[in-house]
PDB file of all heavy atoms in Angstrom:
ATOM      1  N   GLN A   1      35.671 128.069 212.977  1.00  0.00           N
ATOM      2  CA  GLN A   1      34.518 127.321 213.476  1.00  0.00           C
ATOM      3  C   GLN A   1      35.004 126.219 214.413  1.00  0.00           C
ATOM      4  O   GLN A   1      35.802 125.359 214.022  1.00  0.00           O
ATOM      5  CB  GLN A   1      33.722 126.718 212.317  1.00  0.00           C
ATOM      6  CG  GLN A   1      32.470 125.976 212.767  1.00  0.00           C
ATOM      7  CD  GLN A   1      31.521 125.699 211.615  1.00  0.00           C
ATOM      8  OE1 GLN A   1      31.154 126.609 210.874  1.00  0.00           O
ATOM      9  NE2 GLN A   1      31.107 124.435 211.459  1.00  0.00           N
ATOM     10  N   LEU A   2      34.524 126.281 215.650  1.00  0.00           N
ATOM     11  CA  LEU A   2      34.939 125.335 216.685  1.00  0.00           C
ATOM     12  C   LEU A   2      33.770 124.443 217.072  1.00  0.00           C
ATOM     13  O   LEU A   2      32.687 124.937 217.390  1.00  0.00           O
ATOM     14  CB  LEU A   2      35.441 126.080 217.923  1.00  0.00           C
ATOM     15  CG  LEU A   2      36.611 127.061 217.745  1.00  0.00           C
ATOM     16  CD1 LEU A   2      36.860 127.821 219.039  1.00  0.00           C
ATOM     17  CD2 LEU A   2      37.877 126.323 217.316  1.00  0.00           C
ATOM     18  N   ASP A   3      34.000 123.136 217.054  1.00  0.00           N
ATOM     19  CA  ASP A   3      33.027 122.223 217.629  1.00  0.00           C
ATOM     20  C   ASP A   3      33.224 122.200 219.137  1.00  0.00           C
ATOM     21  O   ASP A   3      34.187 122.760 219.673  1.00  0.00           O
ATOM     22  CB  ASP A   3      33.190 120.818 217.029  1.00  0.00           C
ATOM     23  CG  ASP A   3      32.707 120.754 215.584  1.00  0.00           C
ATOM     24  OD1 ASP A   3      31.768 121.512 215.256  1.00  0.00           O
ATOM     25  OD2 ASP A   3      33.262 119.967 214.799  1.00  0.00           O
ATOM     26  N   GLU A   4      32.316 121.529 219.833  1.00  0.00           N
ATOM     27  CA  GLU A   4      32.352 121.530 221.294  1.00  0.00           C
ATOM     28  C   GLU A   4      33.699 121.042 221.823  1.00  0.00           C
ATOM     29  O   GLU A   4      34.245 120.031 221.367  1.00  0.00           O
ATOM     30  CB  GLU A   4      31.239 120.632 221.837  1.00  0.00           C
ATOM     31  CG  GLU A   4      31.025 120.771 223.340  1.00  0.00           C
ATOM     32  CD  GLU A   4      29.732 120.133 223.800  1.00  0.00           C
ATOM     33  OE1 GLU A   4      28.804 119.996 222.976  1.00  0.00           O
ATOM     34  OE2 GLU A   4      29.644 119.783 224.986  1.00  0.00           O
ATOM     35  N   ASN A   5      34.276 121.823 222.745  1.00  0.00           N
ATOM     36  CA  ASN A   5      35.555 121.562 223.427  1.00  0.00           C
ATOM     37  C   ASN A   5      36.780 121.818 222.539  1.00  0.00           C
ATOM     38  O   ASN A   5      37.904 121.629 223.004  1.00  0.00           O
ATOM     39  CB  ASN A   5      35.619 120.134 223.981  1.00  0.00           C
ATOM     40  CG  ASN A   5      34.599 119.911 225.078  1.00  0.00           C
ATOM     41  OD1 ASN A   5      34.320 120.803 225.877  1.00  0.00           O
ATOM     42  ND2 ASN A   5      34.013 118.716 225.115  1.00  0.00           N
ATOM     43  N   GLU A   6      36.607 122.247 221.311  1.00  0.00           N
ATOM     44  CA  GLU A   6      37.754 122.639 220.501  1.00  0.00           C
ATOM     45  C   GLU A   6      38.184 124.048 220.904  1.00  0.00           C
ATOM     46  O   GLU A   6      37.359 124.895 221.241  1.00  0.00           O
ATOM     47  CB  GLU A   6      37.413 122.602 219.013  1.00  0.00           C
ATOM     48  CG  GLU A   6      37.297 121.194 218.460  1.00  0.00           C
ATOM     49  CD  GLU A   6      37.028 121.165 216.967  1.00  0.00           C
ATOM     50  OE1 GLU A   6      36.479 122.161 216.438  1.00  0.00           O
ATOM     51  OE2 GLU A   6      37.353 120.145 216.331  1.00  0.00           O
ATOM     52  N   SER A   7      39.516 124.306 220.844  1.00  0.00           N
ATOM     53  CA  SER A   7      40.064 125.576 221.326  1.00  0.00           C
ATOM     54  C   SER A   7      41.079 126.144 220.349  1.00  0.00           C
ATOM     55  O   SER A   7      41.685 125.427 219.545  1.00  0.00           O
ATOM     56  CB  SER A   7      40.731 125.392 222.691  1.00  0.00           C
ATOM     57  OG  SER A   7      39.818 124.986 223.668  1.00  0.00           O
ATOM     58  N   ILE A   8      41.268 127.446 220.477  1.00  0.00           N
ATOM     59  CA  ILE A   8      42.279 128.151 219.712  1.00  0.00           C
ATOM     60  C   ILE A   8      42.732 129.334 220.550  1.00  0.00           C
ATOM     61  O   ILE A   8      41.997 129.803 221.423  1.00  0.00           O
ATOM     62  CB  ILE A   8      41.719 128.612 218.348  1.00  0.00           C
ATOM     63  CG1 ILE A   8      42.853 128.987 217.384  1.00  0.00           C
ATOM     64  CG2 ILE A   8      40.727 129.761 218.501  1.00  0.00           C
ATOM     65  CD1 ILE A   8      42.387 129.099 215.944  1.00  0.00           C
ATOM     66  N   TYR A   9      43.975 129.809 220.339  1.00  0.00           N
ATOM     67  CA  TYR A   9      44.448 130.966 221.107  1.00  0.00           C
ATOM     68  C   TYR A   9      44.997 132.033 220.173  1.00  0.00           C
ATOM     69  O   TYR A   9      45.384 131.754 219.040  1.00  0.00           O
ATOM     70  CB  TYR A   9      45.486 130.555 222.159  1.00  0.00           C
ATOM     71  CG  TYR A   9      46.834 130.115 221.620  1.00  0.00           C
ATOM     72  CD1 TYR A   9      47.874 131.030 221.443  1.00  0.00           C
ATOM     73  CD2 TYR A   9      47.086 128.773 221.326  1.00  0.00           C
ATOM     74  CE1 TYR A   9      49.113 130.629 220.976  1.00  0.00           C
ATOM     75  CE2 TYR A   9      48.320 128.361 220.858  1.00  0.00           C
ATOM     76  CZ  TYR A   9      49.331 129.291 220.688  1.00  0.00           C
ATOM     77  OH  TYR A   9      50.559 128.890 220.215  1.00  0.00           O
ATOM     78  N   SER A  10      45.014 133.275 220.684  1.00  0.00           N
ATOM     79  CA  SER A  10      45.481 134.402 219.886  1.00  0.00           C
ATOM     80  C   SER A  10      46.107 135.448 220.786  1.00  0.00           C
ATOM     81  O   SER A  10      45.994 135.385 222.019  1.00  0.00           O
ATOM     82  CB  SER A  10      44.318 135.032 219.107  1.00  0.00           C
ATOM     83  OG  SER A  10      43.503 135.788 219.980  1.00  0.00           O
ATOM     84  N   GLU A  11      46.767 136.424 220.151  1.00  0.00           N
ATOM     85  CA  GLU A  11      47.241 137.588 220.882  1.00  0.00           C
ATOM     86  C   GLU A  11      46.043 138.404 221.344  1.00  0.00           C
ATOM     87  O   GLU A  11      44.956 138.330 220.768  1.00  0.00           O
ATOM     88  CB  GLU A  11      48.125 138.459 219.980  1.00  0.00           C
ATOM     89  CG  GLU A  11      49.416 137.798 219.545  1.00  0.00           C
ATOM     90  CD  GLU A  11      50.471 137.812 220.626  1.00  0.00           C
ATOM     91  OE1 GLU A  11      50.169 138.255 221.751  1.00  0.00           O
ATOM     92  OE2 GLU A  11      51.596 137.376 220.351  1.00  0.00           O
ATOM     93  N   SER A  12      46.228 139.206 222.378  1.00  0.00           N
ATOM     94  CA  SER A  12      45.139 140.047 222.863  1.00  0.00           C
ATOM     95  C   SER A  12      44.770 141.085 221.810  1.00  0.00           C
ATOM     96  O   SER A  12      45.620 141.571 221.058  1.00  0.00           O
ATOM     97  CB  SER A  12      45.541 140.747 224.160  1.00  0.00           C
ATOM     98  OG  SER A  12      46.637 141.603 223.937  1.00  0.00           O
ATOM     99  N   GLY A  13      43.483 141.399 221.751  1.00  0.00           N
ATOM    100  CA  GLY A  13      43.008 142.433 220.833  1.00  0.00           C
ATOM    101  C   GLY A  13      42.730 141.965 219.425  1.00  0.00           C
ATOM    102  O   GLY A  13      42.394 142.776 218.558  1.00  0.00           O
ATOM    103  N   LYS A  14      42.815 140.660 219.144  1.00  0.00           N
ATOM    104  CA  LYS A  14      42.610 140.165 217.777  1.00  0.00           C
ATOM    105  C   LYS A  14      41.176 139.691 217.531  1.00  0.00           C
ATOM    106  O   LYS A  14      40.778 139.520 216.384  1.00  0.00           O
ATOM    107  CB  LYS A  14      43.581 139.015 217.488  1.00  0.00           C
ATOM    108  CG  LYS A  14      45.053 139.366 217.612  1.00  0.00           C
ATOM    109  CD  LYS A  14      45.494 140.307 216.529  1.00  0.00           C
ATOM    110  CE  LYS A  14      46.951 140.715 216.695  1.00  0.00           C
ATOM    111  NZ  LYS A  14      47.892 139.654 216.402  1.00  0.00           N
ATOM    112  N   MET A  15      40.396 139.441 218.582  1.00  0.00           N
ATOM    113  CA  MET A  15      39.036 138.943 218.407  1.00  0.00           C
ATOM    114  C   MET A  15      38.123 140.050 217.889  1.00  0.00           C
ATOM    115  O   MET A  15      38.136 141.163 218.398  1.00  0.00           O
ATOM    116  CB  MET A  15      38.500 138.398 219.739  1.00  0.00           C
ATOM    117  CG  MET A  15      37.212 137.585 219.610  1.00  0.00           C
ATOM    118  SD  MET A  15      35.699 138.576 219.433  1.00  0.00           S
ATOM    119  CE  MET A  15      35.612 139.375 221.043  1.00  0.00           C
ATOM    120  N   SER A  16      37.305 139.733 216.864  1.00  0.00           N
ATOM    121  CA  SER A  16      36.373 140.704 216.291  1.00  0.00           C
ATOM    122  C   SER A  16      34.927 140.395 216.645  1.00  0.00           C
ATOM    123  O   SER A  16      34.182 141.276 217.048  1.00  0.00           O
ATOM    124  CB  SER A  16      36.535 140.758 214.773  1.00  0.00           C
ATOM    125  OG  SER A  16      37.803 141.275 214.438  1.00  0.00           O
ATOM    126  N   TRP A  17      34.493 139.154 216.462  1.00  0.00           N
ATOM    127  CA  TRP A  17      33.151 138.750 216.896  1.00  0.00           C
ATOM    128  C   TRP A  17      33.135 137.242 217.117  1.00  0.00           C
ATOM    129  O   TRP A  17      33.959 136.507 216.573  1.00  0.00           O
ATOM    130  CB  TRP A  17      32.072 139.168 215.895  1.00  0.00           C
ATOM    131  CG  TRP A  17      32.177 138.595 214.512  1.00  0.00           C
ATOM    132  CD1 TRP A  17      31.718 137.388 214.072  1.00  0.00           C
ATOM    133  CD2 TRP A  17      32.756 139.233 213.369  1.00  0.00           C
ATOM    134  NE1 TRP A  17      31.971 137.211 212.744  1.00  0.00           N
ATOM    135  CE2 TRP A  17      32.595 138.340 212.274  1.00  0.00           C
ATOM    136  CE3 TRP A  17      33.361 140.469 213.143  1.00  0.00           C
ATOM    137  CZ2 TRP A  17      33.050 138.635 210.996  1.00  0.00           C
ATOM    138  CZ3 TRP A  17      33.811 140.761 211.868  1.00  0.00           C
ATOM    139  CH2 TRP A  17      33.662 139.859 210.818  1.00  0.00           C
ATOM    140  N   MET A  18      32.167 136.802 217.940  1.00  0.00           N
ATOM    141  CA  MET A  18      32.051 135.374 218.233  1.00  0.00           C
ATOM    142  C   MET A  18      30.636 135.071 218.717  1.00  0.00           C
ATOM    143  O   MET A  18      29.894 135.970 219.139  1.00  0.00           O
ATOM    144  CB  MET A  18      33.076 134.951 219.295  1.00  0.00           C
ATOM    145  CG  MET A  18      32.943 135.632 220.630  1.00  0.00           C
ATOM    146  SD  MET A  18      34.274 135.134 221.768  1.00  0.00           S
ATOM    147  CE  MET A  18      33.856 136.092 223.233  1.00  0.00           C
ATOM    148  N   THR A  19      30.279 133.802 218.670  1.00  0.00           N
ATOM    149  CA  THR A  19      28.966 133.380 219.141  1.00  0.00           C
ATOM    150  C   THR A  19      28.982 133.233 220.664  1.00  0.00           C
ATOM    151  O   THR A  19      30.044 133.158 221.289  1.00  0.00           O
ATOM    152  CB  THR A  19      28.552 132.054 218.480  1.00  0.00           C
ATOM    153  OG1 THR A  19      29.606 131.090 218.649  1.00  0.00           O
ATOM    154  CG2 THR A  19      28.278 132.242 216.998  1.00  0.00           C
ATOM    155  N   GLN A  20      27.767 133.168 221.237  1.00  0.00           N
ATOM    156  CA  GLN A  20      27.625 133.165 222.695  1.00  0.00           C
ATOM    157  C   GLN A  20      28.283 131.961 223.362  1.00  0.00           C
ATOM    158  O   GLN A  20      28.693 132.041 224.525  1.00  0.00           O
ATOM    159  CB  GLN A  20      26.135 133.186 223.069  1.00  0.00           C
ATOM    160  CG  GLN A  20      25.462 134.540 222.886  1.00  0.00           C
ATOM    161  CD  GLN A  20      25.703 135.469 224.057  1.00  0.00           C
ATOM    162  OE1 GLN A  20      26.523 135.201 224.920  1.00  0.00           O
ATOM    163  NE2 GLN A  20      24.973 136.570 224.090  1.00  0.00           N
ATOM    164  N   ASN A  21      28.374 130.849 222.656  1.00  0.00           N
ATOM    165  CA  ASN A  21      28.912 129.641 223.285  1.00  0.00           C
ATOM    166  C   ASN A  21      30.437 129.569 223.270  1.00  0.00           C
ATOM    167  O   ASN A  21      31.018 128.593 223.747  1.00  0.00           O
ATOM    168  CB  ASN A  21      28.329 128.387 222.623  1.00  0.00           C
ATOM    169  CG  ASN A  21      28.640 128.318 221.137  1.00  0.00           C
ATOM    170  OD1 ASN A  21      28.847 129.339 220.486  1.00  0.00           O
ATOM    171  ND2 ASN A  21      28.664 127.107 220.600  1.00  0.00           N
ATOM    172  N   ILE A  22      31.097 130.580 222.723  1.00  0.00           N
ATOM    173  CA  ILE A  22      32.562 130.638 222.766  1.00  0.00           C
ATOM    174  C   ILE A  22      32.983 131.337 224.060  1.00  0.00           C
ATOM    175  O   ILE A  22      32.585 132.469 224.319  1.00  0.00           O
ATOM    176  CB  ILE A  22      33.128 131.401 221.550  1.00  0.00           C
ATOM    177  CG1 ILE A  22      32.701 130.733 220.242  1.00  0.00           C
ATOM    178  CG2 ILE A  22      34.645 131.485 221.649  1.00  0.00           C
ATOM    179  CD1 ILE A  22      33.266 129.359 220.019  1.00  0.00           C
ATOM    180  N   LYS A  23      33.775 130.649 224.847  1.00  0.00           N
ATOM    181  CA  LYS A  23      34.238 131.174 226.127  1.00  0.00           C
ATOM    182  C   LYS A  23      35.703 131.579 226.023  1.00  0.00           C
ATOM    183  O   LYS A  23      36.531 130.820 225.518  1.00  0.00           O
ATOM    184  CB  LYS A  23      34.052 130.149 227.249  1.00  0.00           C
ATOM    185  CG  LYS A  23      32.615 129.650 227.394  1.00  0.00           C
ATOM    186  CD  LYS A  23      31.644 130.796 227.660  1.00  0.00           C
ATOM    187  CE  LYS A  23      30.209 130.306 227.779  1.00  0.00           C
ATOM    188  NZ  LYS A  23      29.236 131.412 227.915  1.00  0.00           N
ATOM    189  N   MET A  24      35.996 132.774 226.515  1.00  0.00           N
ATOM    190  CA  MET A  24      37.361 133.287 226.479  1.00  0.00           C
ATOM    191  C   MET A  24      38.009 133.182 227.853  1.00  0.00           C
ATOM    192  O   MET A  24      37.385 133.473 228.870  1.00  0.00           O
ATOM    193  CB  MET A  24      37.379 134.751 226.032  1.00  0.00           C
ATOM    194  CG  MET A  24      38.782 135.316 225.852  1.00  0.00           C
ATOM    195  SD  MET A  24      38.799 137.089 225.468  1.00  0.00           S
ATOM    196  CE  MET A  24      38.745 137.778 227.121  1.00  0.00           C
ATOM    197  N   GLU A  25      39.278 132.757 227.869  1.00  0.00           N
ATOM    198  CA  GLU A  25      40.060 132.704 229.108  1.00  0.00           C
ATOM    199  C   GLU A  25      41.443 133.267 228.820  1.00  0.00           C
ATOM    200  O   GLU A  25      42.145 132.799 227.921  1.00  0.00           O
ATOM    201  CB  GLU A  25      40.169 131.276 229.627  1.00  0.00           C
ATOM    202  CG  GLU A  25      40.894 131.184 230.967  1.00  0.00           C
ATOM    203  CD  GLU A  25      40.994 129.764 231.488  1.00  0.00           C
ATOM    204  OE1 GLU A  25      40.545 128.836 230.785  1.00  0.00           O
ATOM    205  OE2 GLU A  25      41.530 129.586 232.599  1.00  0.00           O
ATOM    206  N   THR A  26      41.820 134.273 229.575  1.00  0.00           N
ATOM    207  CA  THR A  26      43.134 134.886 229.425  1.00  0.00           C
ATOM    208  C   THR A  26      44.139 134.137 230.292  1.00  0.00           C
ATOM    209  O   THR A  26      43.942 133.967 231.488  1.00  0.00           O
ATOM    210  CB  THR A  26      43.094 136.365 229.822  1.00  0.00           C
ATOM    211  OG1 THR A  26      42.132 137.042 229.013  1.00  0.00           O
ATOM    212  CG2 THR A  26      44.450 137.023 229.633  1.00  0.00           C
ATOM    213  N   LYS A  27      45.231 133.691 229.678  1.00  0.00           N
ATOM    214  CA  LYS A  27      46.222 132.896 230.390  1.00  0.00           C
ATOM    215  C   LYS A  27      47.618 133.450 230.132  1.00  0.00           C
ATOM    216  O   LYS A  27      47.883 134.056 229.097  1.00  0.00           O
ATOM    217  CB  LYS A  27      46.187 131.431 229.926  1.00  0.00           C
ATOM    218  CG  LYS A  27      44.874 130.703 230.160  1.00  0.00           C
ATOM    219  CD  LYS A  27      44.987 129.277 229.650  1.00  0.00           C
ATOM    220  CE  LYS A  27      43.699 128.494 229.836  1.00  0.00           C
ATOM    221  NZ  LYS A  27      43.820 127.110 229.312  1.00  0.00           N
ATOM    222  N   SER A  28      48.493 133.202 231.103  1.00  0.00           N
ATOM    223  CA  SER A  28      49.914 133.469 230.879  1.00  0.00           C
ATOM    224  C   SER A  28      50.517 132.230 230.232  1.00  0.00           C
ATOM    225  O   SER A  28      49.933 131.145 230.257  1.00  0.00           O
ATOM    226  CB  SER A  28      50.625 133.775 232.196  1.00  0.00           C
ATOM    227  OG  SER A  28      50.713 132.607 232.995  1.00  0.00           O
ATOM    228  N   ARG A  29      51.697 132.372 229.672  1.00  0.00           N
ATOM    229  CA  ARG A  29      52.346 131.252 228.997  1.00  0.00           C
ATOM    230  C   ARG A  29      53.435 130.631 229.859  1.00  0.00           C
ATOM    231  O   ARG A  29      54.315 129.927 229.365  1.00  0.00           O
ATOM    232  CB  ARG A  29      52.943 131.726 227.674  1.00  0.00           C
ATOM    233  CG  ARG A  29      51.950 132.319 226.710  1.00  0.00           C
ATOM    234  CD  ARG A  29      51.104 131.266 226.048  1.00  0.00           C
ATOM    235  NE  ARG A  29      51.876 130.520 225.066  1.00  0.00           N
ATOM    236  CZ  ARG A  29      51.472 129.420 224.454  1.00  0.00           C
ATOM    237  NH1 ARG A  29      50.297 128.917 224.772  1.00  0.00           N
ATOM    238  NH2 ARG A  29      52.211 128.815 223.563  1.00  0.00           N
ATOM    239  N   GLY A  30      53.364 130.860 231.189  1.00  0.00           N
ATOM    240  CA  GLY A  30      54.426 130.374 232.049  1.00  0.00           C
ATOM    241  C   GLY A  30      55.523 131.415 232.167  1.00  0.00           C
ATOM    242  O   GLY A  30      55.656 132.308 231.331  1.00  0.00           O
ATOM    243  N   LEU A  31      56.336 131.301 233.214  1.00  0.00           N
ATOM    244  CA  LEU A  31      57.348 132.318 233.504  1.00  0.00           C
ATOM    245  C   LEU A  31      58.328 132.483 232.356  1.00  0.00           C
ATOM    246  O   LEU A  31      58.620 133.603 231.926  1.00  0.00           O
ATOM    247  CB  LEU A  31      58.093 131.965 234.785  1.00  0.00           C
ATOM    248  CG  LEU A  31      59.168 132.973 235.230  1.00  0.00           C
ATOM    249  CD1 LEU A  31      58.543 134.341 235.466  1.00  0.00           C
ATOM    250  CD2 LEU A  31      59.875 132.478 236.483  1.00  0.00           C
ATOM    251  N   SER A  32      58.845 131.358 231.816  1.00  0.00           N
ATOM    252  CA  SER A  32      59.847 131.459 230.754  1.00  0.00           C
ATOM    253  C   SER A  32      59.245 132.090 229.502  1.00  0.00           C
ATOM    254  O   SER A  32      59.878 132.909 228.834  1.00  0.00           O
ATOM    255  CB  SER A  32      60.416 130.077 230.424  1.00  0.00           C
ATOM    256  OG  SER A  32      59.379 129.206 229.982  1.00  0.00           O
ATOM    257  N   LYS A  33      57.994 131.715 229.170  1.00  0.00           N
ATOM    258  CA  LYS A  33      57.345 132.284 227.989  1.00  0.00           C
ATOM    259  C   LYS A  33      57.015 133.766 228.210  1.00  0.00           C
ATOM    260  O   LYS A  33      57.069 134.557 227.275  1.00  0.00           O
ATOM    261  CB  LYS A  33      56.068 131.508 227.677  1.00  0.00           C
ATOM    262  CG  LYS A  33      56.318 130.067 227.249  1.00  0.00           C
ATOM    263  CD  LYS A  33      56.950 130.027 225.874  1.00  0.00           C
ATOM    264  CE  LYS A  33      57.221 128.597 225.426  1.00  0.00           C
ATOM    265  NZ  LYS A  33      55.981 127.851 225.206  1.00  0.00           N
ATOM    266  N   MET A  34      56.675 134.143 229.448  1.00  0.00           N
ATOM    267  CA  MET A  34      56.389 135.544 229.725  1.00  0.00           C
ATOM    268  C   MET A  34      57.636 136.396 229.522  1.00  0.00           C
ATOM    269  O   MET A  34      57.579 137.491 228.976  1.00  0.00           O
ATOM    270  CB  MET A  34      55.846 135.710 231.145  1.00  0.00           C
ATOM    271  CG  MET A  34      54.438 135.171 231.332  1.00  0.00           C
ATOM    272  SD  MET A  34      53.812 135.376 233.004  1.00  0.00           S
ATOM    273  CE  MET A  34      53.592 137.164 233.066  1.00  0.00           C
ATOM    274  N   VAL A  35      58.791 135.866 229.957  1.00  0.00           N
ATOM    275  CA  VAL A  35      60.048 136.589 229.770  1.00  0.00           C
ATOM    276  C   VAL A  35      60.326 136.749 228.275  1.00  0.00           C
ATOM    277  O   VAL A  35      60.726 137.824 227.806  1.00  0.00           O
ATOM    278  CB  VAL A  35      61.205 135.851 230.467  1.00  0.00           C
ATOM    279  CG1 VAL A  35      62.540 136.491 230.098  1.00  0.00           C
ATOM    280  CG2 VAL A  35      61.003 135.871 231.980  1.00  0.00           C
ATOM    281  N   SER A  36      60.114 135.668 227.518  1.00  0.00           N
ATOM    282  CA  SER A  36      60.366 135.738 226.074  1.00  0.00           C
ATOM    283  C   SER A  36      59.442 136.737 225.398  1.00  0.00           C
ATOM    284  O   SER A  36      59.831 137.417 224.450  1.00  0.00           O
ATOM    285  CB  SER A  36      60.202 134.351 225.438  1.00  0.00           C
ATOM    286  OG  SER A  36      58.846 133.941 225.464  1.00  0.00           O
ATOM    287  N   ARG A  37      58.212 136.864 225.884  1.00  0.00           N
ATOM    288  CA  ARG A  37      57.264 137.794 225.282  1.00  0.00           C
ATOM    289  C   ARG A  37      57.658 139.239 225.584  1.00  0.00           C
ATOM    290  O   ARG A  37      57.359 140.144 224.798  1.00  0.00           O
ATOM    291  CB  ARG A  37      55.846 137.484 225.757  1.00  0.00           C
ATOM    292  CG  ARG A  37      55.328 136.161 225.235  1.00  0.00           C
ATOM    293  CD  ARG A  37      53.952 135.847 225.782  1.00  0.00           C
ATOM    294  NE  ARG A  37      52.933 136.708 225.188  1.00  0.00           N
ATOM    295  CZ  ARG A  37      52.434 136.535 223.980  1.00  0.00           C
ATOM    296  NH1 ARG A  37      52.860 135.550 223.213  1.00  0.00           N
ATOM    297  NH2 ARG A  37      51.505 137.345 223.508  1.00  0.00           N
ATOM    298  N   ILE A  38      58.324 139.461 226.716  1.00  0.00           N
ATOM    299  CA  ILE A  38      58.842 140.796 227.010  1.00  0.00           C
ATOM    300  C   ILE A  38      59.893 141.171 225.970  1.00  0.00           C
ATOM    301  O   ILE A  38      59.918 142.284 225.450  1.00  0.00           O
ATOM    302  CB  ILE A  38      59.435 140.846 228.431  1.00  0.00           C
ATOM    303  CG1 ILE A  38      58.311 140.708 229.475  1.00  0.00           C
ATOM    304  CG2 ILE A  38      60.200 142.148 228.651  1.00  0.00           C
ATOM    305  CD1 ILE A  38      58.809 140.589 230.900  1.00  0.00           C
ATOM    306  N   PHE A  39      60.764 140.224 225.627  1.00  0.00           N
ATOM    307  CA  PHE A  39      61.806 140.483 224.651  1.00  0.00           C
ATOM    308  C   PHE A  39      61.248 140.727 223.259  1.00  0.00           C
ATOM    309  O   PHE A  39      61.812 141.494 222.484  1.00  0.00           O
ATOM    310  CB  PHE A  39      62.803 139.306 224.600  1.00  0.00           C
ATOM    311  CG  PHE A  39      63.862 139.379 225.664  1.00  0.00           C
ATOM    312  CD1 PHE A  39      63.775 138.590 226.796  1.00  0.00           C
ATOM    313  CD2 PHE A  39      64.928 140.238 225.541  1.00  0.00           C
ATOM    314  CE1 PHE A  39      64.743 138.652 227.779  1.00  0.00           C
ATOM    315  CE2 PHE A  39      65.910 140.314 226.513  1.00  0.00           C
ATOM    316  CZ  PHE A  39      65.813 139.518 227.637  1.00  0.00           C
ATOM    317  N   THR A  40      60.151 140.050 222.907  1.00  0.00           N
ATOM    318  CA  THR A  40      59.578 140.231 221.572  1.00  0.00           C
ATOM    319  C   THR A  40      58.642 141.418 221.501  1.00  0.00           C
ATOM    320  O   THR A  40      58.136 141.750 220.426  1.00  0.00           O
ATOM    321  CB  THR A  40      58.808 138.972 221.131  1.00  0.00           C
ATOM    322  OG1 THR A  40      57.788 138.679 222.090  1.00  0.00           O
ATOM    323  CG2 THR A  40      59.741 137.786 220.991  1.00  0.00           C
ATOM    324  N   GLY A  41      58.355 142.067 222.643  1.00  0.00           N
ATOM    325  CA  GLY A  41      57.484 143.222 222.640  1.00  0.00           C
ATOM    326  C   GLY A  41      56.013 142.882 222.565  1.00  0.00           C
ATOM    327  O   GLY A  41      55.187 143.763 222.333  1.00  0.00           O
ATOM    328  N   GLU A  42      55.655 141.600 222.749  1.00  0.00           N
ATOM    329  CA  GLU A  42      54.260 141.193 222.696  1.00  0.00           C
ATOM    330  C   GLU A  42      53.636 141.309 224.085  1.00  0.00           C
ATOM    331  O   GLU A  42      54.314 141.491 225.091  1.00  0.00           O
ATOM    332  CB  GLU A  42      54.141 139.748 222.185  1.00  0.00           C
ATOM    333  CG  GLU A  42      54.815 139.502 220.841  1.00  0.00           C
ATOM    334  CD  GLU A  42      54.157 140.268 219.721  1.00  0.00           C
ATOM    335  OE1 GLU A  42      52.960 140.607 219.836  1.00  0.00           O
ATOM    336  OE2 GLU A  42      54.834 140.522 218.702  1.00  0.00           O
ATOM    337  N   THR A  43      52.306 141.177 224.155  1.00  0.00           N
ATOM    338  CA  THR A  43      51.615 141.215 225.436  1.00  0.00           C
ATOM    339  C   THR A  43      51.997 139.986 226.260  1.00  0.00           C
ATOM    340  O   THR A  43      52.347 138.933 225.712  1.00  0.00           O
ATOM    341  CB  THR A  43      50.092 141.248 225.228  1.00  0.00           C
ATOM    342  OG1 THR A  43      49.713 140.123 224.432  1.00  0.00           O
ATOM    343  CG2 THR A  43      49.675 142.520 224.516  1.00  0.00           C
TER     344      THR A  43
END
């Protein structure tokens, strides 16, 4: 449960349902984090 302007992040494909006022934004984690995610096999 998120109040206004509160945020949380997850791996892709984990969201099941949400209310209309929840806005999703897909972001990269920066170049170094993207490289690390390649090594861990994550998206």
